[in-house]
Every structure is written in structure tokens, then in C-alpha cells.
């Protein structure tokens, strides 16, 4: 398989630059940190949705930021979870006053880092909840996972939660539908 990579060390940076160049009316990047957000974030009166994970499987997750989908995505380094700081900054950037729902894939690093960011945001008074996606029926446990991983089904969670949040539903209502 051929890859379109200029320099492996610049993959995430160039992916972000490409997304922003392709969709300047819809997306922006937070200053000094790799977080992609909706251009209009935070949206007042709407539950914010944040997801993310290791880069290398684009368009996940930054490609799912937009109206009726995610409000922010945190791309980690290739096959590496995003940092707690990335997730924390994303939470702050999309909090429109109705809380923020974290959509987390069931990988140890993702769960740990998203939950640390959740605690940091809650200490700031932001209401944050989470759903952990574990749709992988091929693997129950392995060397790299505890339980089922979150994989392709995460896209459906993004869309279902995004549609409900866009309707103006509460944080609890958005979480309940996924």
C-alpha cells in the first residue's frame, strides 16, 4: 500500500493543516495545541461533544467535527492517545453551558487521559460526562486491551450523539441515546 507522507514526524501537523485548508469555513485549531474544533464553538445552549484518539486512521476523529457531529477532536500522535491537556482544552473550547460529553474508545490510554481531563474540567465547574465505546466483537481481551475496543462503531456514536445534542437535548438525554 502506498502512503502519502512527506515526513513521518510531521504527519499529525500536516493532517491538521490539510483539514483546515479544506474546510476553513467550518473548522479551526486551538492555539498552541492539537485540537480541532467547530468554527462556531462553543455553541450556546448545546451539549459539547469531544472525541479523539491516536492518529493514523484518518478521517478519525477530526474528520467528524461539524454540525450534528463532534464539536472537537483531539488527534494524538500516530497510534497514541491524546494527552489530558488536549482533551481538557477541547472541553473548555466547546462548553456552551449545557455540559460536555466525552466519547471515548475503550483503549487504556484513551480512557485514562480522557478521564483525567474530565476531572480537571469538573474542578473548573464544567459539567462533563462520558460514554466508553466498546463495539469490537472480535476481541474480548488481549495484550493491549482490557475488554472490547472501540473501533468503527464510534462513528455511529458521534452521529447519534451529535444529532441529539444539535436538537438542544440535555447532557443526560444525549448520553442516554448512545
Protein backbone atom coordinates (compact mmCIF):
# COMPACT_ATOMS: atom_id res chain seq x y z
CA UNK A 1 0.00 0.00 0.00
CA UNK A 2 1.29 3.47 -0.91
CA UNK A 3 1.24 6.27 1.63
CA UNK A 4 1.21 9.99 1.01
CA UNK A 5 3.57 11.07 3.76
CA UNK A 6 6.15 13.81 3.37
CA UNK A 7 7.89 13.25 6.70
CA UNK A 8 6.66 10.77 9.33
CA UNK A 9 7.43 13.29 12.08
CA UNK A 10 5.01 15.81 10.54
CA UNK A 11 2.03 13.54 9.84
CA UNK A 12 -0.31 14.94 12.50
CA UNK A 13 0.65 18.56 11.85
CA UNK A 14 0.12 18.15 8.11
CA UNK A 15 -3.18 16.30 8.60
CA UNK A 16 -4.45 19.21 10.68
CA UNK A 17 -3.20 21.76 8.16
CA UNK A 18 -4.92 19.84 5.36
CA UNK A 19 -8.25 19.67 7.16
CA UNK A 20 -8.15 23.37 7.96
CA UNK A 21 -7.22 24.24 4.37
CA UNK A 22 -10.04 22.06 3.01
CA UNK A 23 -12.70 23.33 5.45
CA UNK A 24 -11.80 26.87 6.59
CA UNK A 25 -15.46 27.85 6.97
CA UNK A 26 -16.19 25.01 9.37
CA UNK A 27 -13.07 24.20 11.38
CA UNK A 28 -10.39 25.90 13.41
CA UNK A 29 -7.45 24.73 15.51
CA UNK A 30 -6.89 25.83 19.07
CA UNK A 31 -3.75 27.88 19.60
CA UNK A 32 -0.64 26.01 20.74
CA UNK A 33 -2.29 22.58 20.99
CA UNK A 34 -3.50 19.95 18.52
CA UNK A 35 -7.27 20.26 18.94
CA UNK A 36 -9.70 20.73 16.03
CA UNK A 37 -12.98 22.48 16.87
CA UNK A 38 -16.06 23.69 15.06
CA UNK A 39 -15.52 27.23 13.86
CA UNK A 40 -18.63 28.36 15.79
CA UNK A 41 -17.73 26.61 19.07
CA UNK A 42 -18.81 26.95 21.76
CA UNK A 43 -22.45 26.83 20.73
CA UNK A 44 -24.57 28.36 23.49
CA UNK A 45 -27.29 26.06 24.82
CA UNK A 46 -25.82 22.94 23.21
CA UNK A 47 -24.06 19.99 24.79
CA UNK A 48 -20.48 19.92 23.54
CA UNK A 49 -19.12 16.64 22.14
CA UNK A 50 -15.43 15.74 22.30
CA UNK A 51 -13.70 12.63 21.00
CA UNK A 52 -10.26 11.69 19.80
CA UNK A 53 -7.62 9.05 19.67
CA UNK A 54 -4.38 8.12 18.03
CA UNK A 55 -3.77 9.45 14.55
CA UNK A 56 -3.18 7.12 11.66
CA UNK A 57 -6.77 6.20 10.83
CA UNK A 58 -7.92 9.45 9.28
CA UNK A 59 -10.52 10.83 8.95
CA UNK A 60 -10.98 9.67 12.54
CA UNK A 61 -11.66 11.79 14.52
CA UNK A 62 -11.04 15.29 13.23
CA UNK A 63 -12.96 14.44 10.06
CA UNK A 64 -16.11 14.07 12.14
CA UNK A 65 -16.11 17.60 13.57
CA UNK A 66 -19.05 19.64 12.35
CA UNK A 67 -22.74 20.42 12.59
CA UNK A 68 -24.66 17.46 14.02
CA UNK A 69 -21.43 15.62 14.86
CA UNK A 70 -18.47 16.37 17.13
CA UNK A 71 -17.66 19.83 18.42
CA UNK A 72 -13.98 18.99 18.93
CA UNK A 73 -11.49 16.25 18.19
CA UNK A 74 -8.15 15.57 19.83
CA UNK A 75 -5.71 13.83 17.49
CA UNK A 76 -2.94 12.08 19.38
CA UNK A 77 0.37 11.19 17.81
CA UNK A 78 0.24 8.17 15.47
CA UNK A 79 -1.34 5.26 17.37
CA UNK A 80 -1.02 7.22 20.63
CA UNK A 81 -3.78 8.56 22.86
CA UNK A 82 -4.30 12.31 23.01
CA UNK A 83 -2.93 13.95 26.13
CA UNK A 84 -5.12 15.01 29.06
CA UNK A 85 -4.21 18.62 28.24
CA UNK A 86 -5.55 18.26 24.69
CA UNK A 87 -8.84 16.87 25.95
CA UNK A 88 -9.09 19.46 28.73
CA UNK A 89 -8.57 22.34 26.28
CA UNK A 90 -11.15 20.79 23.94
CA UNK A 91 -13.68 20.56 26.78
CA UNK A 92 -13.18 24.23 27.65
CA UNK A 93 -13.43 25.26 23.99
CA UNK A 94 -16.81 23.58 23.38
CA UNK A 95 -18.61 24.16 26.68
CA UNK A 96 -21.70 26.16 25.72
CA UNK A 97 -23.26 25.96 29.17
CA UNK A 98 -25.08 22.62 28.90
CA UNK A 99 -22.10 20.41 29.65
CA UNK A 100 -19.75 18.30 27.58
CA UNK A 101 -19.97 14.62 26.66
CA UNK A 102 -16.72 12.76 26.06
CA UNK A 103 -16.94 9.92 23.54
CA UNK A 104 -14.07 7.60 24.43
CA UNK A 105 -12.88 4.47 22.67
CA UNK A 106 -12.08 1.61 25.06
CA UNK A 107 -8.30 1.78 24.94
CA UNK A 108 -6.44 2.09 28.24
CA UNK A 109 -4.62 5.31 27.31
CA UNK A 110 -7.72 6.95 25.86
CA UNK A 111 -9.84 6.13 28.90
CA UNK A 112 -7.15 7.24 31.36
CA UNK A 113 -6.35 10.53 29.60
CA UNK A 114 -9.95 11.49 28.88
CA UNK A 115 -10.94 10.76 32.49
CA UNK A 116 -8.04 12.88 33.81
CA UNK A 117 -9.20 15.74 31.58
CA UNK A 118 -12.76 15.23 32.79
CA UNK A 119 -11.63 15.62 36.40
CA UNK A 120 -9.65 18.76 35.53
CA UNK A 121 -12.68 20.32 33.83
CA UNK A 122 -15.01 19.36 36.67
CA UNK A 123 -12.67 21.14 39.10
CA UNK A 124 -13.27 24.24 36.94
CA UNK A 125 -17.03 23.81 37.35
CA UNK A 126 -17.74 22.38 33.89
CA UNK A 127 -20.29 19.57 33.81
CA UNK A 128 -18.68 16.64 31.97
CA UNK A 129 -19.89 13.09 31.39
CA UNK A 130 -18.59 10.25 29.25
CA UNK A 131 -19.51 7.23 27.20
CA UNK A 132 -17.00 4.49 26.51
CA UNK A 133 -17.43 2.76 23.15
CA UNK A 134 -16.54 -0.95 23.13
CA UNK A 135 -18.07 -2.29 19.93
CA UNK A 136 -15.27 -4.66 18.86
CA UNK A 137 -16.75 -8.17 18.97
CA UNK A 138 -13.55 -9.77 17.60
CA UNK A 139 -11.51 -9.21 20.76
CA UNK A 140 -12.67 -9.60 24.34
CA UNK A 141 -9.25 -9.20 25.96
CA UNK A 142 -5.76 -9.06 24.53
CA UNK A 143 -2.30 -7.88 25.45
CA UNK A 144 -3.27 -4.31 24.50
CA UNK A 145 -6.86 -4.08 25.68
CA UNK A 146 -9.00 -4.71 28.70
CA UNK A 147 -12.32 -5.77 27.27
CA UNK A 148 -13.57 -4.89 23.83
CA UNK A 149 -12.00 -1.99 21.96
CA UNK A 150 -13.89 0.90 20.46
CA UNK A 151 -13.49 0.91 16.71
CA UNK A 152 -15.72 1.65 13.70
CA UNK A 153 -18.94 1.84 15.73
CA UNK A 154 -17.61 5.01 17.32
CA UNK A 155 -18.63 6.90 14.17
CA UNK A 156 -22.28 6.00 14.81
CA UNK A 157 -21.98 7.21 18.39
CA UNK A 158 -20.58 10.52 17.09
CA UNK A 159 -23.53 10.90 14.72
CA UNK A 160 -26.30 9.83 17.09
CA UNK A 161 -24.98 11.94 19.97
CA UNK A 162 -24.31 14.82 17.58
CA UNK A 163 -27.86 14.82 16.23
CA UNK A 164 -29.36 14.71 19.73
CA UNK A 165 -27.05 17.46 21.00
CA UNK A 166 -27.85 19.62 17.98
CA UNK A 167 -31.57 19.37 18.91
CA UNK A 168 -30.74 21.08 22.21
CA UNK A 169 -31.10 18.00 24.41
CA UNK A 170 -29.63 17.90 27.91
CA UNK A 171 -26.35 16.17 28.72
CA UNK A 172 -28.23 13.26 30.28
CA UNK A 173 -30.51 12.93 27.24
CA UNK A 174 -27.56 12.92 24.83
CA UNK A 175 -25.78 10.28 26.89
CA UNK A 176 -28.93 8.15 27.13
CA UNK A 177 -29.35 7.82 23.34
CA UNK A 178 -25.88 6.37 22.90
